[in-house]
């Protein structure tokens, strides 16, 4: 049955062939990548704050 077939993994966003995508599909990908950049920047800020707090605690 068709429902039993595994769903193929999504194509990676970075480095994928863009030649077959429509304008709308490219716009969606840009939105997804921008959202991922925001998420990464937030994680980086948390990591840096944690590292700064640890460095401050161990300074003599």
C-alpha atoms as a PDB file:
ATOM      1  CA  UNK A   1       0.000   0.000   0.000  1.00  0.00           C
ATOM      2  CA  UNK A   2       1.086   3.538  -0.580  1.00  0.00           C
ATOM      3  CA  UNK A   3       0.745   4.495   3.120  1.00  0.00           C
ATOM      4  CA  UNK A   4       3.310   1.828   4.048  1.00  0.00           C
ATOM      5  CA  UNK A   5       6.092   3.285   1.925  1.00  0.00           C
ATOM      6  CA  UNK A   6       8.626   5.305   3.889  1.00  0.00           C
ATOM      7  CA  UNK A   7       8.612   9.037   3.322  1.00  0.00           C
ATOM      8  CA  UNK A   8      11.867  10.167   1.713  1.00  0.00           C
ATOM      9  CA  UNK A   9      13.915  12.577   3.811  1.00  0.00           C
ATOM     10  CA  UNK A  10      13.575  16.225   2.861  1.00  0.00           C
ATOM     11  CA  UNK A  11      16.166  17.676   0.548  1.00  0.00           C
ATOM     12  CA  UNK A  12      18.816  19.670   2.426  1.00  0.00           C
ATOM     13  CA  UNK A  13      18.270  23.415   2.322  1.00  0.00           C
ATOM     14  CA  UNK A  14      21.909  24.405   2.007  1.00  0.00           C
ATOM     15  CA  UNK A  15      23.722  23.371  -1.138  1.00  0.00           C
ATOM     16  CA  UNK A  16      20.668  21.913  -2.877  1.00  0.00           C
ATOM     17  CA  UNK A  17      20.034  22.265  -6.623  1.00  0.00           C
ATOM     18  CA  UNK A  18      17.800  25.328  -6.963  1.00  0.00           C
ATOM     19  CA  UNK A  19      17.313  25.234 -10.725  1.00  0.00           C
ATOM     20  CA  UNK A  20      14.018  23.326 -10.541  1.00  0.00           C
ATOM     21  CA  UNK A  21      12.433  25.386  -7.773  1.00  0.00           C
ATOM     22  CA  UNK A  22       9.743  27.971  -8.392  1.00  0.00           C
ATOM     23  CA  UNK A  23       9.985  31.532  -7.108  1.00  0.00           C
ATOM     24  CA  UNK A  24       7.536  30.650  -4.320  1.00  0.00           C
ATOM     25  CA  UNK A  25       9.570  27.601  -3.297  1.00  0.00           C
ATOM     26  CA  UNK A  26      12.749  29.671  -3.177  1.00  0.00           C
ATOM     27  CA  UNK A  27      10.975  32.281  -1.046  1.00  0.00           C
ATOM     28  CA  UNK A  28       9.861  29.560   1.370  1.00  0.00           C
ATOM     29  CA  UNK A  29      13.404  28.231   1.612  1.00  0.00           C
ATOM     30  CA  UNK A  30      14.744  31.726   2.275  1.00  0.00           C
ATOM     31  CA  UNK A  31      12.221  32.101   5.102  1.00  0.00           C
ATOM     32  CA  UNK A  32      13.212  28.755   6.577  1.00  0.00           C
ATOM     33  CA  UNK A  33      16.902  29.603   6.404  1.00  0.00           C
ATOM     34  CA  UNK A  34      16.356  33.021   7.990  1.00  0.00           C
ATOM     35  CA  UNK A  35      14.420  31.373  10.824  1.00  0.00           C
ATOM     36  CA  UNK A  36      17.260  28.895  11.301  1.00  0.00           C
ATOM     37  CA  UNK A  37      19.794  31.745  11.409  1.00  0.00           C
ATOM     38  CA  UNK A  38      17.771  33.430  14.162  1.00  0.00           C
ATOM     39  CA  UNK A  39      17.634  30.157  16.096  1.00  0.00           C
ATOM     40  CA  UNK A  40      21.393  29.669  15.720  1.00  0.00           C
ATOM     41  CA  UNK A  41      22.152  33.244  16.772  1.00  0.00           C
ATOM     42  CA  UNK A  42      20.016  32.784  19.904  1.00  0.00           C
ATOM     43  CA  UNK A  43      21.805  29.531  20.749  1.00  0.00           C
ATOM     44  CA  UNK A  44      25.164  31.215  20.188  1.00  0.00           C
ATOM     45  CA  UNK A  45      24.231  34.088  22.492  1.00  0.00           C
ATOM     46  CA  UNK A  46      23.206  31.618  25.223  1.00  0.00           C
ATOM     47  CA  UNK A  47      26.454  29.669  24.834  1.00  0.00           C
ATOM     48  CA  UNK A  48      28.544  32.831  24.954  1.00  0.00           C
ATOM     49  CA  UNK A  49      26.699  34.058  28.066  1.00  0.00           C
ATOM     50  CA  UNK A  50      27.274  30.708  29.753  1.00  0.00           C
ATOM     51  CA  UNK A  51      30.962  30.743  28.811  1.00  0.00           C
ATOM     52  CA  UNK A  52      31.358  34.329  30.029  1.00  0.00           C
ATOM     53  CA  UNK A  53      29.697  33.441  33.342  1.00  0.00           C
ATOM     54  CA  UNK A  54      31.983  30.448  33.789  1.00  0.00           C
ATOM     55  CA  UNK A  55      35.066  32.500  32.953  1.00  0.00           C
ATOM     56  CA  UNK A  56      34.009  35.197  35.423  1.00  0.00           C
ATOM     57  CA  UNK A  57      33.458  32.621  38.183  1.00  0.00           C
ATOM     58  CA  UNK A  58      36.947  31.183  37.789  1.00  0.00           C
ATOM     59  CA  UNK A  59      38.900  34.433  37.526  1.00  0.00           C
ATOM     60  CA  UNK A  60      41.085  35.128  40.485  1.00  0.00           C
END
